[in-house]
Amino acid sequence: MAQSPGASTQDPAEQDAAPPRAPDPERGRRRLGLAAWCLYDWANSAFNTVIGTFIFSVYFARGIYGDETAGAALWGYALGAAGLTVAILSPILGSIADRGGRRKPWLFSFMMITVIATALLYFARPDASFVVYALALMIIASIAFELGTVFYNSMLPVIAPPDMTGRISGWGWGMGYMGGLGALALCLVLLVQAEEPFFGLVGTDGAQNVRATVLVVAAWFFLFSLPLFFLTPDTKASPAPWREHVTRGLAVLWNTLKQIRHQGHLVRFLIASALYRDGLSTLFAVGGLYAAGTFGMSFDQILIFAIGLNVTAGLGAASFAFVDDRIGPKATILIALAGLIGLGVTILMVDDVTTFIALALGLGIFVGPAQAAGRSMMARLTPQAMESEMFGLYALAGKSISFLGPVLYATATTIFDSQRAGMATIVLIWTAGALLLATVPAPKARRPEAPKAVLKGVANGG
């Protein structure tokens, strides 16, 4: 049969088929931006793991100060001073940054301060004359690190799709654990435990191989954080002058503090998260002491155990990221706290070291999700255009009671002459946090707008 002019020669099945979808370059850029944001967690975790926990803190107490117990106490006081400074500055700078719009300039500035101060720790030789030098740099680095984390966290609710906030937070937290371990392994293999540190280019005189670990951390932090600044989008800058950002930021913060008592659910969450986060921080601070004192584990055994604990925590954070988006961050945190409490109570009753290690590694699976889901819940509760200020308050809440866990642990250990009694206080803190969190309504998928009462009267700077 002859076809009529203009009739299609295409098969009907092909006509009904949908045309191929054109590539979406914006989608690819968004994915790269999210991946770069997660990579920053990988970058900055080297500072906490190598400097704060495993290598330089021990070197300061043993090598620089010369007394492990007194040196550790002085190190703790320095970190406490840094934490107090962060608690005061974080909501103030966060509110000012929210008025200015952009967050990456703040984050870059604090990242560079941390990197430079960390690198300068290399010159702290094993001599008591360097105590003040090392502590001053550590305080500067810690303050800059924590303030940078406020602006880093505040980017999450802006860049993450509402249905992926939990996954992005969890993936970032999981990468953080892996990044910290990667930097630690590099330092141990190439410098601290190597027969010829850094292929013979670094000596051991004056603990040069140990001091060189801070250069590894500084380079690691700097290089792996760069993708965020090139690939992750930032909010638009406000055209208003800098002075107006400061004036309006302080005015908004003052209004927020006056009105926050009317937002009971947010206050309860801040307190609940501060409690269970303090319990987690105390666990990591004294876990090695408990393993050594109760089960007689050696330093090398504790180091391997700590690495394993970080691995399970990272796997838990990444795995529960999907759970967060499926059932919500509040339920995810409560599940994680239930796991922590259940395993924590069981650990207190065991005497066999193998059983202890197995249960403790299982405990790690729930550590990461509690932290990552806490960040994503804060992101969902944060009103629009108030991200940095709210995460500043999140930091303030955590720092304000950061003394509680260590004090309760020390007091119970002293009164009962038992580290098991001290560890029991951590379980009690987790329980208190879980009970208070249970009273907080689950956040909605859509983030709230900034309360009018908070923003009222600040449009023109006061």
Protein backbone atom coordinates (compact mmCIF):
# COMPACT_ATOMS: atom_id res chain seq x y z
CA MET A 1 0.00 0.00 0.00
CA ALA A 2 1.27 3.42 -0.91
CA GLN A 3 1.85 5.80 1.99
CA SER A 4 0.16 9.15 2.00
CA PRO A 5 2.50 12.11 1.77
CA GLY A 6 3.89 13.15 5.17
CA ALA A 7 2.98 9.87 6.87
CA SER A 8 5.53 8.54 9.34
CA THR A 9 7.47 5.43 8.51
CA GLN A 10 8.37 4.87 12.22
CA ASP A 11 7.14 1.76 13.98
CA PRO A 12 4.15 2.51 16.31
CA ALA A 13 6.02 1.01 19.29
CA GLU A 14 8.88 3.40 18.64
CA GLN A 15 6.45 6.30 18.37
CA ASP A 16 5.04 5.54 21.83
CA ALA A 17 8.49 5.22 23.39
CA ALA A 18 9.63 8.19 25.46
CA PRO A 19 12.45 10.18 23.94
CA PRO A 20 15.82 9.67 25.61
CA ARG A 21 16.36 12.01 28.55
CA ALA A 22 19.00 14.62 27.96
CA PRO A 23 21.85 14.70 30.47
CA ASP A 24 21.32 17.15 33.30
CA PRO A 25 24.63 18.93 33.98
CA GLU A 26 23.15 20.65 37.05
CA ARG A 27 22.38 17.29 38.64
CA GLY A 28 25.95 16.18 38.14
CA ARG A 29 27.27 19.40 39.66
CA ARG A 30 24.96 19.01 42.66
CA ARG A 31 26.24 15.47 43.26
CA LEU A 32 29.85 16.64 43.05
CA GLY A 33 29.04 19.43 45.50
CA LEU A 34 27.52 17.00 47.99
CA ALA A 35 30.46 14.60 47.61
CA ALA A 36 32.88 17.47 48.20
CA TRP A 37 30.95 18.47 51.32
CA CYS A 38 31.23 14.92 52.68
CA LEU A 39 34.94 14.89 51.83
CA TYR A 40 35.48 17.80 54.23
CA ASP A 41 34.51 15.42 57.06
CA TRP A 42 37.25 13.09 55.79
CA ALA A 43 39.69 16.03 55.81
CA ASN A 44 39.04 17.56 59.23
CA SER A 45 38.85 14.30 61.18
CA ALA A 46 42.62 13.95 60.90
CA PHE A 47 42.95 16.81 63.38
CA ASN A 48 40.87 15.17 66.12
CA THR A 49 42.28 11.69 65.58
CA VAL A 50 46.00 12.43 65.31
CA ILE A 51 46.37 15.68 67.25
CA GLY A 52 43.64 15.42 69.86
CA THR A 53 43.45 11.71 70.64
CA PHE A 54 46.26 9.39 69.66
CA ILE A 55 49.62 11.00 68.92
CA PHE A 56 50.29 14.65 69.67
CA SER A 57 48.29 14.80 72.90
CA VAL A 58 50.32 11.86 74.23
CA TYR A 59 53.56 13.44 72.97
CA PHE A 60 52.68 16.69 74.76
CA ALA A 61 52.07 14.96 78.09
CA ARG A 62 55.05 12.58 77.94
CA GLY A 63 57.59 14.46 75.86
CA ILE A 64 56.99 18.18 76.28
CA TYR A 65 55.52 18.42 79.77
CA GLY A 66 57.35 15.38 81.10
CA ASP A 67 54.60 14.07 83.37
CA GLU A 68 51.90 12.01 81.71
CA THR A 69 49.21 12.57 84.34
CA ALA A 70 49.82 16.27 84.98
CA GLY A 71 50.40 16.91 81.29
CA ALA A 72 47.11 15.26 80.35
CA ALA A 73 45.31 17.40 82.92
CA LEU A 74 46.88 20.59 81.55
CA TRP A 75 45.95 19.52 78.02
CA GLY A 76 42.37 19.04 79.21
CA TYR A 77 42.27 22.50 80.77
CA ALA A 78 43.48 24.01 77.48
CA LEU A 79 40.76 22.23 75.53
CA GLY A 80 38.23 23.40 78.11
CA ALA A 81 39.30 27.01 77.60
CA ALA A 82 39.01 26.57 73.85
CA GLY A 83 35.55 25.04 74.24
CA LEU A 84 34.35 27.94 76.37
CA THR A 85 35.53 30.41 73.73
CA VAL A 86 33.73 28.44 71.01
CA ALA A 87 30.53 28.38 73.08
CA ILE A 88 30.56 32.17 73.30
CA LEU A 89 31.61 32.98 69.73
CA SER A 90 29.76 30.35 67.67
CA PRO A 91 26.18 31.72 67.90
CA ILE A 92 27.43 35.31 67.51
CA LEU A 93 29.50 34.64 64.40
CA GLY A 94 26.82 32.31 63.06
CA SER A 95 24.15 34.98 63.23
CA ILE A 96 26.43 37.54 61.56
CA ALA A 97 27.26 35.04 58.80
CA ASP A 98 23.56 34.34 58.19
CA ARG A 99 22.96 38.03 57.54
CA GLY A 100 25.91 38.15 55.12
CA GLY A 101 24.67 35.05 53.30
CA ARG A 102 27.90 33.27 52.39
CA ARG A 103 29.48 30.64 54.62
CA LYS A 104 32.44 29.38 52.63
CA PRO A 105 34.63 32.47 53.34
CA TRP A 106 34.16 31.89 57.08
CA LEU A 107 34.85 28.18 56.74
CA PHE A 108 37.95 28.77 54.60
CA SER A 109 39.34 31.30 57.07
CA PHE A 110 38.93 29.01 60.07
CA MET A 111 40.26 26.02 58.12
CA MET A 112 43.43 27.96 57.22
CA ILE A 113 43.94 29.12 60.82
CA THR A 114 43.64 25.50 61.97
CA VAL A 115 46.06 24.27 59.30
CA ILE A 116 48.69 26.93 60.04
CA ALA A 117 48.48 26.54 63.84
CA THR A 118 48.69 22.75 63.46
CA ALA A 119 51.75 22.95 61.21
CA LEU A 120 53.50 25.28 63.67
CA LEU A 121 53.21 22.60 66.37
CA TYR A 122 56.10 20.89 64.54
CA PHE A 123 58.51 23.26 66.28
CA ALA A 124 57.37 22.16 69.77
CA ARG A 125 60.40 20.16 70.82
CA PRO A 126 60.35 17.67 73.76
CA ASP A 127 61.30 20.25 76.33
CA ALA A 128 59.29 21.91 79.12
CA SER A 129 60.16 25.32 77.68
CA PHE A 130 57.73 24.60 74.81
CA VAL A 131 54.70 23.92 77.05
CA VAL A 132 53.18 27.39 76.67
CA TYR A 133 54.00 27.48 72.95
CA ALA A 134 52.30 24.14 72.30
CA LEU A 135 49.24 24.89 74.42
CA ALA A 136 48.75 28.34 72.84
CA LEU A 137 48.83 26.88 69.34
CA MET A 138 46.54 24.02 70.36
CA ILE A 139 44.00 26.44 71.82
CA ILE A 140 44.06 28.56 68.63
CA ALA A 141 43.77 25.48 66.41
CA SER A 142 40.93 24.00 68.49
CA ILE A 143 38.92 27.23 68.50
CA ALA A 144 39.30 27.66 64.74
CA PHE A 145 38.52 23.98 64.13
CA GLU A 146 35.29 24.05 66.15
CA LEU A 147 34.12 27.37 64.70
CA GLY A 148 34.79 26.06 61.20
CA THR A 149 32.69 23.00 62.01
CA VAL A 150 29.75 25.28 62.86
CA PHE A 151 29.80 26.80 59.36
CA TYR A 152 30.42 23.42 57.76
CA ASN A 153 27.41 21.87 59.50
CA SER A 154 25.25 24.88 58.67
CA MET A 155 25.70 24.17 54.95
CA LEU A 156 23.91 20.80 55.29
CA PRO A 157 20.28 22.03 55.36
CA VAL A 158 20.99 24.30 52.38
CA ILE A 159 22.76 21.89 50.01
CA ALA A 160 21.06 18.57 50.88
CA PRO A 161 17.68 17.71 49.34
CA PRO A 162 15.03 17.35 52.10
CA ASP A 163 14.66 13.62 51.46
CA MET A 164 18.43 13.03 51.60
CA THR A 165 19.51 15.06 54.63
CA GLY A 166 20.03 11.94 56.75
CA ARG A 167 22.01 10.15 54.06
CA ILE A 168 24.30 13.10 53.36
CA SER A 169 24.95 13.66 57.07
CA GLY A 170 25.57 9.95 57.67
CA TRP A 171 27.84 9.53 54.67
CA GLY A 172 29.84 12.56 55.74
CA TRP A 173 30.16 11.29 59.31
CA GLY A 174 31.18 7.84 58.07
CA MET A 175 33.82 9.36 55.79
CA GLY A 176 35.05 11.34 58.78
CA TYR A 177 35.79 8.20 60.77
CA MET A 178 37.55 6.62 57.79
CA GLY A 179 39.53 9.79 57.05
CA GLY A 180 40.74 10.06 60.62
CA LEU A 181 41.89 6.46 60.55
CA GLY A 182 43.55 6.96 57.17
CA ALA A 183 45.58 9.88 58.46
CA LEU A 184 46.45 7.98 61.65
CA ALA A 185 47.60 4.92 59.71
CA LEU A 186 49.74 7.13 57.45
CA CYS A 187 51.40 8.75 60.46
CA LEU A 188 52.03 5.45 62.21
CA VAL A 189 53.40 3.61 59.17
CA LEU A 190 55.49 6.41 57.70
CA LEU A 191 56.67 8.22 60.82
CA VAL A 192 55.95 6.98 64.35
CA GLN A 193 56.56 3.23 64.03
CA ALA A 194 58.77 3.24 60.93
CA GLU A 195 62.38 2.03 61.24
CA GLU A 196 63.39 4.77 58.78
CA PRO A 197 60.78 7.53 59.21
CA PHE A 198 59.51 8.86 55.89
CA PHE A 199 61.97 6.76 53.90
CA GLY A 200 64.92 8.05 55.86
CA LEU A 201 64.21 11.73 55.24
CA VAL A 202 63.04 12.35 58.82
CA GLY A 203 65.11 11.62 61.90
CA THR A 204 64.16 10.58 65.40
CA ASP A 205 66.31 13.07 67.31
CA GLY A 206 64.20 15.48 69.30
CA ALA A 207 61.13 13.34 68.45
CA GLN A 208 61.24 14.74 64.93
CA ASN A 209 59.33 11.78 63.54
CA VAL A 210 56.52 12.32 66.07
CA ARG A 211 56.46 16.09 65.52
CA ALA A 212 56.27 15.57 61.76
CA THR A 213 52.83 14.01 62.17
CA VAL A 214 51.38 17.51 62.56
CA LEU A 215 52.66 18.37 59.07
CA VAL A 216 50.86 15.31 57.70
CA VAL A 217 47.65 16.44 59.42
CA ALA A 218 47.99 20.01 58.15
CA ALA A 219 48.56 18.86 54.56
CA TRP A 220 45.77 16.25 54.80
CA PHE A 221 43.27 18.80 56.14
CA PHE A 222 44.17 21.43 53.55
CA LEU A 223 44.26 19.22 50.44
CA PHE A 224 41.11 17.19 51.09
CA SER A 225 39.07 20.24 52.09
CA LEU A 226 39.76 22.11 48.83
CA PRO A 227 37.06 20.33 46.74
CA LEU A 228 34.36 21.81 48.99
CA PHE A 229 35.45 25.36 48.20
CA PHE A 230 35.50 24.71 44.45
CA LEU A 231 32.53 22.37 43.99
CA THR A 232 30.00 22.87 46.81
CA PRO A 233 27.56 25.75 46.19
CA ASP A 234 27.23 28.57 48.69
CA THR A 235 24.31 30.87 49.41
CA LYS A 236 24.34 34.28 47.75
CA ALA A 237 26.11 37.15 49.44
CA SER A 238 24.07 40.03 50.79
CA PRO A 239 24.81 43.37 49.11
CA ALA A 240 24.64 45.16 52.49
CA PRO A 241 27.90 46.47 53.96
CA TRP A 242 29.85 44.47 56.53
CA ARG A 243 28.93 46.77 59.41
CA GLU A 244 25.25 46.15 58.73
CA HIS A 245 25.80 42.38 58.77
CA VAL A 246 27.29 42.68 62.25
CA THR A 247 24.54 44.98 63.54
CA ARG A 248 21.71 42.92 62.13
CA GLY A 249 23.33 39.64 63.13
CA LEU A 250 23.64 40.68 66.76
CA ALA A 251 20.08 42.00 66.75
CA VAL A 252 18.70 38.74 65.32
CA LEU A 253 20.65 36.68 67.83
CA TRP A 254 19.35 38.79 70.71
CA ASN A 255 15.78 38.34 69.47
CA THR A 256 16.35 34.61 69.04
CA LEU A 257 17.58 34.24 72.61
CA LYS A 258 14.59 36.19 73.91
CA GLN A 259 12.12 34.13 71.89
CA ILE A 260 13.70 30.69 72.17
CA ARG A 261 11.90 29.98 75.43
CA HIS A 262 8.70 29.86 73.36
CA GLN A 263 10.20 27.06 71.20
CA GLY A 264 10.18 24.32 73.80
CA HIS A 265 10.76 21.50 71.32
CA LEU A 266 13.97 23.13 70.05
CA VAL A 267 15.24 23.79 73.59
CA ARG A 268 14.53 20.20 74.62
CA PHE A 269 16.34 18.86 71.58
CA LEU A 270 19.37 21.06 72.21
CA ILE A 271 19.58 19.83 75.81
CA ALA A 272 18.93 16.18 74.89
CA SER A 273 21.53 16.22 72.13
CA ALA A 274 24.03 17.94 74.43
CA LEU A 275 23.53 15.14 76.98
CA TYR A 276 24.01 12.18 74.70
CA ARG A 277 26.82 13.88 72.76
CA ASP A 278 28.61 14.53 76.05
CA GLY A 279 28.22 10.85 76.90
CA LEU A 280 29.77 9.88 73.57
CA SER A 281 32.65 12.33 74.03
CA THR A 282 33.31 10.95 77.51
CA LEU A 283 33.27 7.41 76.15
CA PHE A 284 36.00 8.20 73.63
CA ALA A 285 37.99 10.14 76.25
CA VAL A 286 38.03 7.43 78.93
CA GLY A 287 37.38 4.25 76.93
CA GLY A 288 41.08 3.49 76.65
CA LEU A 289 41.57 4.05 80.38
CA TYR A 290 38.70 1.66 81.12
CA ALA A 291 40.10 -1.01 78.80
CA ALA A 292 43.56 -0.71 80.37
CA GLY A 293 42.43 -0.51 83.99
CA THR A 294 39.65 -3.11 83.94
CA PHE A 295 40.97 -5.64 81.41
CA GLY A 296 44.72 -4.96 81.51
CA MET A 297 45.00 -4.20 77.80
CA SER A 298 48.39 -2.88 76.62
CA PHE A 299 48.86 0.37 74.70
CA ASP A 300 49.25 -1.44 71.36
CA GLN A 301 46.09 -3.47 72.07
CA ILE A 302 44.18 -0.31 72.97
CA LEU A 303 45.35 1.37 69.76
CA ILE A 304 44.15 -1.54 67.64
CA PHE A 305 40.91 -1.65 69.63
CA ALA A 306 40.36 2.09 69.11
CA ILE A 307 40.92 1.73 65.38
CA GLY A 308 38.35 -1.08 65.27
CA LEU A 309 35.89 1.03 67.24
CA ASN A 310 36.28 3.88 64.75
CA VAL A 311 35.74 1.49 61.84
CA THR A 312 32.46 0.15 63.27
CA ALA A 313 31.33 3.70 64.11
CA GLY A 314 31.99 4.81 60.54
CA LEU A 315 30.17 1.80 59.10
CA GLY A 316 27.25 2.43 61.44
CA ALA A 317 26.99 6.09 60.46
CA ALA A 318 27.00 5.27 56.74
CA SER A 319 24.60 2.32 57.06
CA PHE A 320 22.03 4.11 59.22
CA ALA A 321 22.03 7.09 56.84
CA PHE A 322 19.27 5.39 54.83
CA VAL A 323 17.34 4.61 58.00
CA ASP A 324 17.42 8.31 58.93
CA ASP A 325 15.75 9.33 55.66
CA ARG A 326 13.25 6.47 55.85
CA ILE A 327 11.98 6.78 59.45
CA GLY A 328 13.30 10.19 60.45
CA PRO A 329 16.26 11.40 62.55
CA LYS A 330 14.45 11.32 65.90
CA ALA A 331 13.59 7.63 65.60
CA THR A 332 17.11 6.90 64.32
CA ILE A 333 18.70 8.62 67.33
CA LEU A 334 16.42 6.76 69.75
CA ILE A 335 17.30 3.42 68.12
CA ALA A 336 20.99 4.27 68.34
CA LEU A 337 20.68 5.31 71.99
CA ALA A 338 18.76 2.12 72.79
CA GLY A 339 21.61 0.12 71.26
CA LEU A 340 24.20 2.12 73.17
CA ILE A 341 22.35 1.72 76.49
CA GLY A 342 21.70 -2.01 76.01
CA LEU A 343 25.26 -2.85 74.99
CA GLY A 344 26.67 -0.43 77.58
CA VAL A 345 24.86 -2.19 80.43
CA THR A 346 26.01 -5.58 79.13
CA ILE A 347 29.63 -4.40 78.89
CA LEU A 348 29.55 -3.36 82.55
CA MET A 349 28.74 -6.94 83.54
CA VAL A 350 31.38 -8.85 81.55
CA ASP A 351 34.84 -9.88 82.77
CA ASP A 352 36.23 -11.62 79.70
CA VAL A 353 38.39 -9.36 77.50
CA THR A 354 37.33 -11.04 74.25
CA THR A 355 33.66 -10.58 75.08
CA PHE A 356 34.36 -6.99 76.05
CA ILE A 357 36.03 -6.25 72.71
CA ALA A 358 33.21 -7.87 70.74
CA LEU A 359 30.53 -5.92 72.62
CA ALA A 360 32.49 -2.65 72.40
CA LEU A 361 32.89 -3.00 68.63
CA GLY A 362 29.13 -3.56 68.46
CA LEU A 363 28.71 -0.42 70.54
CA GLY A 364 30.59 1.49 67.86
CA ILE A 365 27.92 0.66 65.30
CA PHE A 366 25.47 2.88 67.21
CA VAL A 367 27.92 5.71 68.00
CA GLY A 368 28.08 7.06 64.45
CA PRO A 369 24.30 7.07 63.79
CA ALA A 370 23.61 8.96 67.04
CA GLN A 371 26.00 11.72 65.96
CA ALA A 372 25.05 11.84 62.28
CA ALA A 373 21.29 11.74 62.89
CA GLY A 374 21.67 14.45 65.53
CA ARG A 375 23.20 16.72 62.90
CA SER A 376 20.47 15.93 60.38
CA MET A 377 17.72 16.52 62.98
CA MET A 378 19.23 19.90 63.79
CA ALA A 379 19.25 20.64 60.07
CA ARG A 380 15.54 19.79 59.81
CA LEU A 381 14.64 21.90 62.86
CA THR A 382 16.63 24.91 61.67
CA PRO A 383 14.52 27.78 60.27
CA GLN A 384 15.48 29.01 56.83
CA ALA A 385 18.10 31.78 56.70
CA MET A 386 19.18 30.97 60.28
CA GLU A 387 21.41 27.96 59.61
CA SER A 388 24.72 29.23 61.00
CA GLU A 389 23.08 30.80 64.04
CA MET A 390 21.20 27.61 64.90
CA PHE A 391 24.26 25.42 64.50
CA GLY A 392 26.09 27.95 66.64
CA LEU A 393 23.49 27.35 69.35
CA TYR A 394 23.92 23.61 68.73
CA ALA A 395 27.64 24.02 69.46
CA LEU A 396 26.88 26.24 72.45
CA ALA A 397 24.54 23.62 73.94
CA GLY A 398 27.17 20.90 73.55
CA LYS A 399 30.00 22.94 75.01
CA SER A 400 27.91 24.26 77.90
CA ILE A 401 27.66 20.84 79.58
CA SER A 402 30.81 19.22 78.17
CA PHE A 403 32.17 19.05 81.72
CA LEU A 404 29.31 16.86 82.96
CA GLY A 405 30.39 13.47 81.64
CA PRO A 406 34.04 13.63 82.75
CA VAL A 407 33.07 15.00 86.19
CA LEU A 408 30.45 12.29 86.79
CA TYR A 409 32.85 9.60 85.59
CA ALA A 410 35.65 10.81 87.86
CA THR A 411 33.34 11.25 90.86
CA ALA A 412 31.75 7.80 90.59
CA THR A 413 35.11 6.15 89.99
CA THR A 414 36.54 7.85 93.10
CA ILE A 415 33.55 7.19 95.40
CA PHE A 416 33.14 3.52 94.48
CA ASP A 417 36.82 2.91 93.67
CA SER A 418 35.68 1.28 90.45
CA GLN A 419 35.94 2.29 86.79
CA ARG A 420 32.80 0.24 86.14
CA ALA A 421 30.90 2.70 88.34
CA GLY A 422 32.42 5.53 86.36
CA MET A 423 31.37 3.96 83.03
CA ALA A 424 27.86 3.46 84.41
CA THR A 425 27.44 7.24 84.58
CA ILE A 426 27.87 7.39 80.79
CA VAL A 427 24.95 4.98 80.37
CA LEU A 428 22.88 7.18 82.70
CA ILE A 429 23.68 10.27 80.60
CA TRP A 430 22.59 8.45 77.45
CA THR A 431 19.37 7.41 79.19
CA ALA A 432 18.63 10.98 80.28
CA GLY A 433 19.23 12.22 76.75
CA ALA A 434 16.96 9.54 75.26
CA LEU A 435 14.10 10.25 77.70
CA LEU A 436 14.23 13.98 76.98
CA LEU A 437 14.50 13.45 73.23
CA ALA A 438 11.37 11.25 73.34
CA THR A 439 9.36 14.35 74.30
CA VAL A 440 10.49 16.28 71.19
CA PRO A 441 8.09 16.15 68.20
CA ALA A 442 9.62 14.58 65.10
CA PRO A 443 10.67 17.34 62.64
CA LYS A 444 8.65 17.86 59.50
CA ALA A 445 10.11 17.21 56.07
CA ARG A 446 9.91 20.89 55.15
CA ARG A 447 12.12 23.18 57.19
CA PRO A 448 10.32 26.01 59.03
CA GLU A 449 10.61 29.64 58.05
CA ALA A 450 12.35 32.04 60.42
CA PRO A 451 9.89 33.11 63.15
CA LYS A 452 8.53 36.60 62.57
CA ALA A 453 9.10 37.43 66.22
CA VAL A 454 12.81 36.71 65.76
CA LEU A 455 13.24 38.78 62.63
CA LYS A 456 10.96 41.61 63.67
CA GLY A 457 12.73 44.92 63.96
CA VAL A 458 16.06 43.78 62.47
CA ALA A 459 15.42 44.49 58.81
CA ASN A 460 17.06 47.87 59.20
CA GLY A 461 19.69 46.87 61.69
CA GLY A 462 17.90 47.01 65.01
